[in-house]
Amino acid sequence: MITTTTSYGTWVNHGDRYNVSVEATLTDHINGGGSEWCDRVESTGAFAKMAADYRAAIADALPDSVSLCGDEFIGPAYPEDDEWDGYATDEDGRLDISACIENADIDLDAIIERHDPDLTAVTLVSANPGDRVPGHELGDPDCPDVPGLTDNHEVQAFFTEHGYGPDQPDELMYLVPQDNVDDIPDGFPTLTVHI
């Protein structure tokens, strides 16, 4: 079956009336950073990753049949009667894209922080003796030293949640290099923080 699509408007109509694109909104948001930092964001490829994550978060806020293509929202010209069930609509039953995005409460600062070239991303994995996970156990002398790691409140909460500590020999905590994060087996509790 072929679906006829149509424009539902642009990013200016539904996302940010002051910027013409997702990327312009992101640029506007990070311009408070110093010019050298902004240059690093661009030169390291972090900006593209930030924009991709922002676009993915917007896509997650919308029905599968509606997408942001470039700067234009595209969707079915003749939506099914139940097409917008579970999504914000206006008084005429049309999809309210602005409300969908607003209701998603997208944390742009968290997206920016996740790809900040000046922060080090650290991933921890909670495991038991005998489990096979990539990385180094925190007590291993070969484990890289990450200054400030154990002082981070998120890390401390993760340790507590999983019973990790010097008096708990049956609970191990592994530091996983970012290049090996995709190798972490499913089912293991993980935490990624930026230090």
C-alpha atoms as a PDB file:
ATOM      1  CA  MET A   1       0.000   0.000   0.000  1.00  0.00           C
ATOM      2  CA  ILE A   2       1.325   3.420  -0.952  1.00  0.00           C
ATOM      3  CA  THR A   3       0.759   6.223   1.519  1.00  0.00           C
ATOM      4  CA  THR A   4       0.418   9.759   0.227  1.00  0.00           C
ATOM      5  CA  THR A   5       2.375  12.183   2.396  1.00  0.00           C
ATOM      6  CA  THR A   6       2.184  15.905   2.894  1.00  0.00           C
ATOM      7  CA  SER A   7       3.973  18.651   4.740  1.00  0.00           C
ATOM      8  CA  TYR A   8       2.859  19.312   8.305  1.00  0.00           C
ATOM      9  CA  GLY A   9       4.940  22.469   8.507  1.00  0.00           C
ATOM     10  CA  THR A  10       8.512  23.340   9.327  1.00  0.00           C
ATOM     11  CA  TRP A  11      10.755  23.429  12.368  1.00  0.00           C
ATOM     12  CA  VAL A  12       9.922  27.138  12.692  1.00  0.00           C
ATOM     13  CA  ASN A  13       6.198  26.270  12.861  1.00  0.00           C
ATOM     14  CA  HIS A  14       6.466  23.505  15.426  1.00  0.00           C
ATOM     15  CA  GLY A  15       9.889  23.339  17.058  1.00  0.00           C
ATOM     16  CA  ASP A  16      11.522  26.723  17.516  1.00  0.00           C
ATOM     17  CA  ARG A  17       9.990  29.823  16.017  1.00  0.00           C
ATOM     18  CA  TYR A  18      13.312  31.678  16.304  1.00  0.00           C
ATOM     19  CA  ASN A  19      15.476  29.209  14.354  1.00  0.00           C
ATOM     20  CA  VAL A  20      14.975  27.633  10.940  1.00  0.00           C
ATOM     21  CA  SER A  21      16.462  24.233  11.735  1.00  0.00           C
ATOM     22  CA  VAL A  22      17.306  21.800  14.517  1.00  0.00           C
ATOM     23  CA  GLU A  23      20.955  22.603  13.922  1.00  0.00           C
ATOM     24  CA  ALA A  24      20.295  26.360  14.227  1.00  0.00           C
ATOM     25  CA  THR A  25      18.493  25.762  17.534  1.00  0.00           C
ATOM     26  CA  LEU A  26      21.434  23.709  18.754  1.00  0.00           C
ATOM     27  CA  THR A  27      23.924  26.381  17.615  1.00  0.00           C
ATOM     28  CA  ASP A  28      21.896  29.026  19.407  1.00  0.00           C
ATOM     29  CA  HIS A  29      21.856  26.876  22.553  1.00  0.00           C
ATOM     30  CA  ILE A  30      25.620  26.248  22.662  1.00  0.00           C
ATOM     31  CA  ASN A  31      26.688  29.768  21.696  1.00  0.00           C
ATOM     32  CA  GLY A  32      26.944  30.596  25.394  1.00  0.00           C
ATOM     33  CA  GLY A  33      30.085  28.464  25.475  1.00  0.00           C
ATOM     34  CA  GLY A  34      33.432  30.039  24.703  1.00  0.00           C
ATOM     35  CA  SER A  35      34.480  30.336  21.072  1.00  0.00           C
ATOM     36  CA  GLU A  36      37.350  27.845  21.523  1.00  0.00           C
ATOM     37  CA  TRP A  37      34.947  25.283  23.002  1.00  0.00           C
ATOM     38  CA  CYS A  38      32.468  25.871  20.139  1.00  0.00           C
ATOM     39  CA  ASP A  39      35.329  25.328  17.675  1.00  0.00           C
ATOM     40  CA  ARG A  40      36.187  22.008  19.402  1.00  0.00           C
ATOM     41  CA  VAL A  41      32.523  20.962  19.289  1.00  0.00           C
ATOM     42  CA  GLU A  42      32.569  21.456  15.536  1.00  0.00           C
ATOM     43  CA  SER A  43      36.063  20.125  14.769  1.00  0.00           C
ATOM     44  CA  THR A  44      35.674  16.902  16.802  1.00  0.00           C
ATOM     45  CA  GLY A  45      32.370  15.964  15.189  1.00  0.00           C
ATOM     46  CA  ALA A  46      30.532  16.455  18.488  1.00  0.00           C
ATOM     47  CA  PHE A  47      28.105  18.947  16.915  1.00  0.00           C
ATOM     48  CA  ALA A  48      26.910  16.384  14.369  1.00  0.00           C
ATOM     49  CA  LYS A  49      26.399  13.822  17.148  1.00  0.00           C
ATOM     50  CA  MET A  50      24.476  16.356  19.252  1.00  0.00           C
ATOM     51  CA  ALA A  51      22.244  17.226  16.298  1.00  0.00           C
ATOM     52  CA  ALA A  52      21.660  13.547  15.479  1.00  0.00           C
ATOM     53  CA  ASP A  53      20.663  12.783  19.076  1.00  0.00           C
ATOM     54  CA  TYR A  54      18.392  15.831  19.188  1.00  0.00           C
ATOM     55  CA  ARG A  55      16.714  14.743  15.949  1.00  0.00           C
ATOM     56  CA  ALA A  56      16.329  11.199  17.329  1.00  0.00           C
ATOM     57  CA  ALA A  57      14.667  12.558  20.482  1.00  0.00           C
ATOM     58  CA  ILE A  58      12.273  14.598  18.340  1.00  0.00           C
ATOM     59  CA  ALA A  59      11.501  11.516  16.227  1.00  0.00           C
ATOM     60  CA  ASP A  60      10.790   9.528  19.405  1.00  0.00           C
ATOM     61  CA  ALA A  61       8.250  12.184  20.434  1.00  0.00           C
ATOM     62  CA  LEU A  62       6.261  11.779  17.220  1.00  0.00           C
ATOM     63  CA  PRO A  63       4.133   8.994  15.753  1.00  0.00           C
ATOM     64  CA  ASP A  64       6.062   6.620  13.481  1.00  0.00           C
ATOM     65  CA  SER A  65       4.198   7.961  10.456  1.00  0.00           C
ATOM     66  CA  VAL A  66       5.492  11.520  10.991  1.00  0.00           C
ATOM     67  CA  SER A  67       9.107  12.517  10.570  1.00  0.00           C
ATOM     68  CA  LEU A  68      11.306  15.564  10.497  1.00  0.00           C
ATOM     69  CA  CYS A  69      12.949  15.501   7.066  1.00  0.00           C
ATOM     70  CA  GLY A  70      15.540  18.249   6.983  1.00  0.00           C
ATOM     71  CA  ASP A  71      13.564  21.151   8.403  1.00  0.00           C
ATOM     72  CA  GLU A  72      10.107  19.954   7.381  1.00  0.00           C
ATOM     73  CA  PHE A  73       7.697  17.653   9.174  1.00  0.00           C
ATOM     74  CA  ILE A  74       6.208  15.090   6.789  1.00  0.00           C
ATOM     75  CA  GLY A  75       3.297  12.785   7.529  1.00  0.00           C
ATOM     76  CA  PRO A  76       0.330  11.021   5.981  1.00  0.00           C
ATOM     77  CA  ALA A  77      -1.964  13.208   3.895  1.00  0.00           C
ATOM     78  CA  TYR A  78      -4.917  11.088   5.017  1.00  0.00           C
ATOM     79  CA  PRO A  79      -4.223   9.761   8.506  1.00  0.00           C
ATOM     80  CA  GLU A  80      -6.212   6.841   9.851  1.00  0.00           C
ATOM     81  CA  ASP A  81      -8.904   7.698  12.424  1.00  0.00           C
ATOM     82  CA  ASP A  82      -6.771   6.301  15.246  1.00  0.00           C
ATOM     83  CA  GLU A  83      -3.412   7.472  13.835  1.00  0.00           C
ATOM     84  CA  TRP A  84      -2.844  10.028  16.602  1.00  0.00           C
ATOM     85  CA  ASP A  85      -4.071   7.916  19.524  1.00  0.00           C
ATOM     86  CA  GLY A  86      -1.736   8.531  22.454  1.00  0.00           C
ATOM     87  CA  TYR A  87      -0.370  11.760  20.971  1.00  0.00           C
ATOM     88  CA  ALA A  88      -1.298  15.398  21.550  1.00  0.00           C
ATOM     89  CA  THR A  89      -3.889  16.745  19.143  1.00  0.00           C
ATOM     90  CA  ASP A  90      -5.545  20.113  18.594  1.00  0.00           C
ATOM     91  CA  GLU A  91      -9.258  20.828  19.012  1.00  0.00           C
ATOM     92  CA  ASP A  92      -9.904  19.515  15.489  1.00  0.00           C
ATOM     93  CA  GLY A  93      -8.163  16.204  16.125  1.00  0.00           C
ATOM     94  CA  ARG A  94      -5.050  17.068  14.081  1.00  0.00           C
ATOM     95  CA  LEU A  95      -1.649  16.079  15.417  1.00  0.00           C
ATOM     96  CA  ASP A  96      -0.170  18.862  17.565  1.00  0.00           C
ATOM     97  CA  ILE A  97       3.516  18.490  16.774  1.00  0.00           C
ATOM     98  CA  SER A  98       4.558  21.365  19.032  1.00  0.00           C
ATOM     99  CA  ALA A  99       2.796  19.778  22.003  1.00  0.00           C
ATOM    100  CA  CYS A 100       4.273  16.352  21.197  1.00  0.00           C
ATOM    101  CA  ILE A 101       7.786  17.811  21.289  1.00  0.00           C
ATOM    102  CA  GLU A 102       7.058  19.865  24.396  1.00  0.00           C
ATOM    103  CA  ASN A 103       5.480  16.888  26.189  1.00  0.00           C
ATOM    104  CA  ALA A 104       8.584  14.806  25.456  1.00  0.00           C
ATOM    105  CA  ASP A 105      10.557  17.220  27.665  1.00  0.00           C
ATOM    106  CA  ILE A 106      13.725  16.747  25.608  1.00  0.00           C
ATOM    107  CA  ASP A 107      16.776  17.626  27.682  1.00  0.00           C
ATOM    108  CA  LEU A 108      18.993  19.420  25.180  1.00  0.00           C
ATOM    109  CA  ASP A 109      21.580  20.176  27.871  1.00  0.00           C
ATOM    110  CA  ALA A 110      21.961  16.440  28.574  1.00  0.00           C
ATOM    111  CA  ILE A 111      22.411  15.758  24.852  1.00  0.00           C
ATOM    112  CA  ILE A 112      25.096  18.451  24.646  1.00  0.00           C
ATOM    113  CA  GLU A 113      26.849  17.142  27.757  1.00  0.00           C
ATOM    114  CA  ARG A 114      26.832  13.582  26.403  1.00  0.00           C
ATOM    115  CA  HIS A 115      28.954  14.727  23.446  1.00  0.00           C
ATOM    116  CA  ASP A 116      30.947  17.533  25.091  1.00  0.00           C
ATOM    117  CA  PRO A 117      34.506  17.131  23.750  1.00  0.00           C
ATOM    118  CA  ASP A 118      35.938  18.455  27.028  1.00  0.00           C
ATOM    119  CA  LEU A 119      34.314  15.783  29.190  1.00  0.00           C
ATOM    120  CA  THR A 120      35.443  12.203  29.548  1.00  0.00           C
ATOM    121  CA  ALA A 121      32.683   9.632  29.239  1.00  0.00           C
ATOM    122  CA  VAL A 122      33.110   6.783  31.711  1.00  0.00           C
ATOM    123  CA  THR A 123      31.003   3.620  31.716  1.00  0.00           C
ATOM    124  CA  LEU A 124      30.766   1.347  34.744  1.00  0.00           C
ATOM    125  CA  VAL A 125      29.350  -2.176  34.750  1.00  0.00           C
ATOM    126  CA  SER A 126      28.150  -3.981  37.855  1.00  0.00           C
ATOM    127  CA  ALA A 127      29.054  -7.688  37.800  1.00  0.00           C
ATOM    128  CA  ASN A 128      29.751 -10.700  39.981  1.00  0.00           C
ATOM    129  CA  PRO A 129      32.937 -12.782  40.217  1.00  0.00           C
ATOM    130  CA  GLY A 130      33.135 -15.052  37.179  1.00  0.00           C
ATOM    131  CA  ASP A 131      31.063 -12.785  34.927  1.00  0.00           C
ATOM    132  CA  ARG A 132      32.669 -11.930  31.620  1.00  0.00           C
ATOM    133  CA  VAL A 133      32.489  -8.237  30.858  1.00  0.00           C
ATOM    134  CA  PRO A 134      34.946  -5.985  29.025  1.00  0.00           C
ATOM    135  CA  GLY A 135      37.158  -3.532  30.883  1.00  0.00           C
ATOM    136  CA  HIS A 136      39.010  -3.565  34.179  1.00  0.00           C
ATOM    137  CA  GLU A 137      37.668  -4.199  37.671  1.00  0.00           C
ATOM    138  CA  LEU A 138      38.091  -1.016  39.710  1.00  0.00           C
ATOM    139  CA  GLY A 139      40.287  -2.845  42.225  1.00  0.00           C
ATOM    140  CA  ASP A 140      42.616  -4.132  39.481  1.00  0.00           C
ATOM    141  CA  PRO A 141      46.036  -2.422  39.501  1.00  0.00           C
ATOM    142  CA  ASP A 142      45.780  -2.175  35.682  1.00  0.00           C
ATOM    143  CA  CYS A 143      42.510  -0.220  35.891  1.00  0.00           C
ATOM    144  CA  PRO A 144      43.020   3.295  34.513  1.00  0.00           C
ATOM    145  CA  ASP A 145      42.795   6.058  37.095  1.00  0.00           C
ATOM    146  CA  VAL A 146      39.917   8.459  36.461  1.00  0.00           C
ATOM    147  CA  PRO A 147      40.292  11.471  38.767  1.00  0.00           C
ATOM    148  CA  GLY A 148      37.024  12.387  40.475  1.00  0.00           C
ATOM    149  CA  LEU A 149      35.235   9.157  39.490  1.00  0.00           C
ATOM    150  CA  THR A 150      34.462   7.868  42.969  1.00  0.00           C
ATOM    151  CA  ASP A 151      33.532  11.381  44.162  1.00  0.00           C
ATOM    152  CA  ASN A 152      30.777  11.696  41.534  1.00  0.00           C
ATOM    153  CA  HIS A 153      27.341  11.524  43.200  1.00  0.00           C
ATOM    154  CA  GLU A 154      25.847   9.430  40.366  1.00  0.00           C
ATOM    155  CA  VAL A 155      28.696   6.928  40.683  1.00  0.00           C
ATOM    156  CA  GLN A 156      28.311   6.766  44.459  1.00  0.00           C
ATOM    157  CA  ALA A 157      24.566   6.124  44.075  1.00  0.00           C
ATOM    158  CA  PHE A 158      25.300   3.390  41.490  1.00  0.00           C
ATOM    159  CA  PHE A 159      27.768   1.747  43.903  1.00  0.00           C
ATOM    160  CA  THR A 160      25.170   1.828  46.688  1.00  0.00           C
ATOM    161  CA  GLU A 161      22.366   0.550  44.460  1.00  0.00           C
ATOM    162  CA  HIS A 162      24.451  -2.475  43.460  1.00  0.00           C
ATOM    163  CA  GLY A 163      26.105  -3.158  46.810  1.00  0.00           C
ATOM    164  CA  TYR A 164      29.614  -2.343  45.649  1.00  0.00           C
ATOM    165  CA  GLY A 165      32.167  -1.568  48.339  1.00  0.00           C
ATOM    166  CA  PRO A 166      35.280  -2.833  50.095  1.00  0.00           C
ATOM    167  CA  ASP A 167      33.223  -5.085  52.374  1.00  0.00           C
ATOM    168  CA  GLN A 168      31.307  -6.692  49.462  1.00  0.00           C
ATOM    169  CA  PRO A 169      33.664  -9.151  47.693  1.00  0.00           C
ATOM    170  CA  ASP A 170      30.823 -10.706  45.679  1.00  0.00           C
ATOM    171  CA  GLU A 171      30.045  -7.477  43.826  1.00  0.00           C
ATOM    172  CA  LEU A 172      32.510  -6.171  41.239  1.00  0.00           C
ATOM    173  CA  MET A 173      32.530  -2.918  39.328  1.00  0.00           C
ATOM    174  CA  TYR A 174      34.198  -2.698  35.924  1.00  0.00           C
ATOM    175  CA  LEU A 175      35.447   0.405  34.129  1.00  0.00           C
ATOM    176  CA  VAL A 176      34.762  -0.090  30.426  1.00  0.00           C
ATOM    177  CA  PRO A 177      36.620   1.910  27.752  1.00  0.00           C
ATOM    178  CA  GLN A 178      34.233   3.831  25.486  1.00  0.00           C
ATOM    179  CA  ASP A 179      35.451   1.782  22.509  1.00  0.00           C
ATOM    180  CA  ASN A 180      34.151  -1.382  24.224  1.00  0.00           C
ATOM    181  CA  VAL A 181      30.784  -0.161  25.492  1.00  0.00           C
ATOM    182  CA  ASP A 182      28.964  -1.982  22.685  1.00  0.00           C
ATOM    183  CA  ASP A 183      30.618  -5.228  23.866  1.00  0.00           C
ATOM    184  CA  ILE A 184      28.878  -5.149  27.260  1.00  0.00           C
ATOM    185  CA  PRO A 185      26.562  -8.176  27.378  1.00  0.00           C
ATOM    186  CA  ASP A 186      22.843  -7.507  27.781  1.00  0.00           C
ATOM    187  CA  GLY A 187      21.440  -7.668  31.277  1.00  0.00           C
ATOM    188  CA  PHE A 188      24.321  -6.065  33.160  1.00  0.00           C
ATOM    189  CA  PRO A 189      23.557  -2.837  35.044  1.00  0.00           C
ATOM    190  CA  THR A 190      25.558   0.013  33.538  1.00  0.00           C
ATOM    191  CA  LEU A 191      26.123   3.688  34.238  1.00  0.00           C
ATOM    192  CA  THR A 192      27.731   6.211  31.909  1.00  0.00           C
ATOM    193  CA  VAL A 193      28.807   9.510  33.411  1.00  0.00           C
ATOM    194  CA  HIS A 194      30.871  12.432  32.193  1.00  0.00           C
ATOM    195  CA  ILE A 195      33.785  13.441  34.394  1.00  0.00           C
END
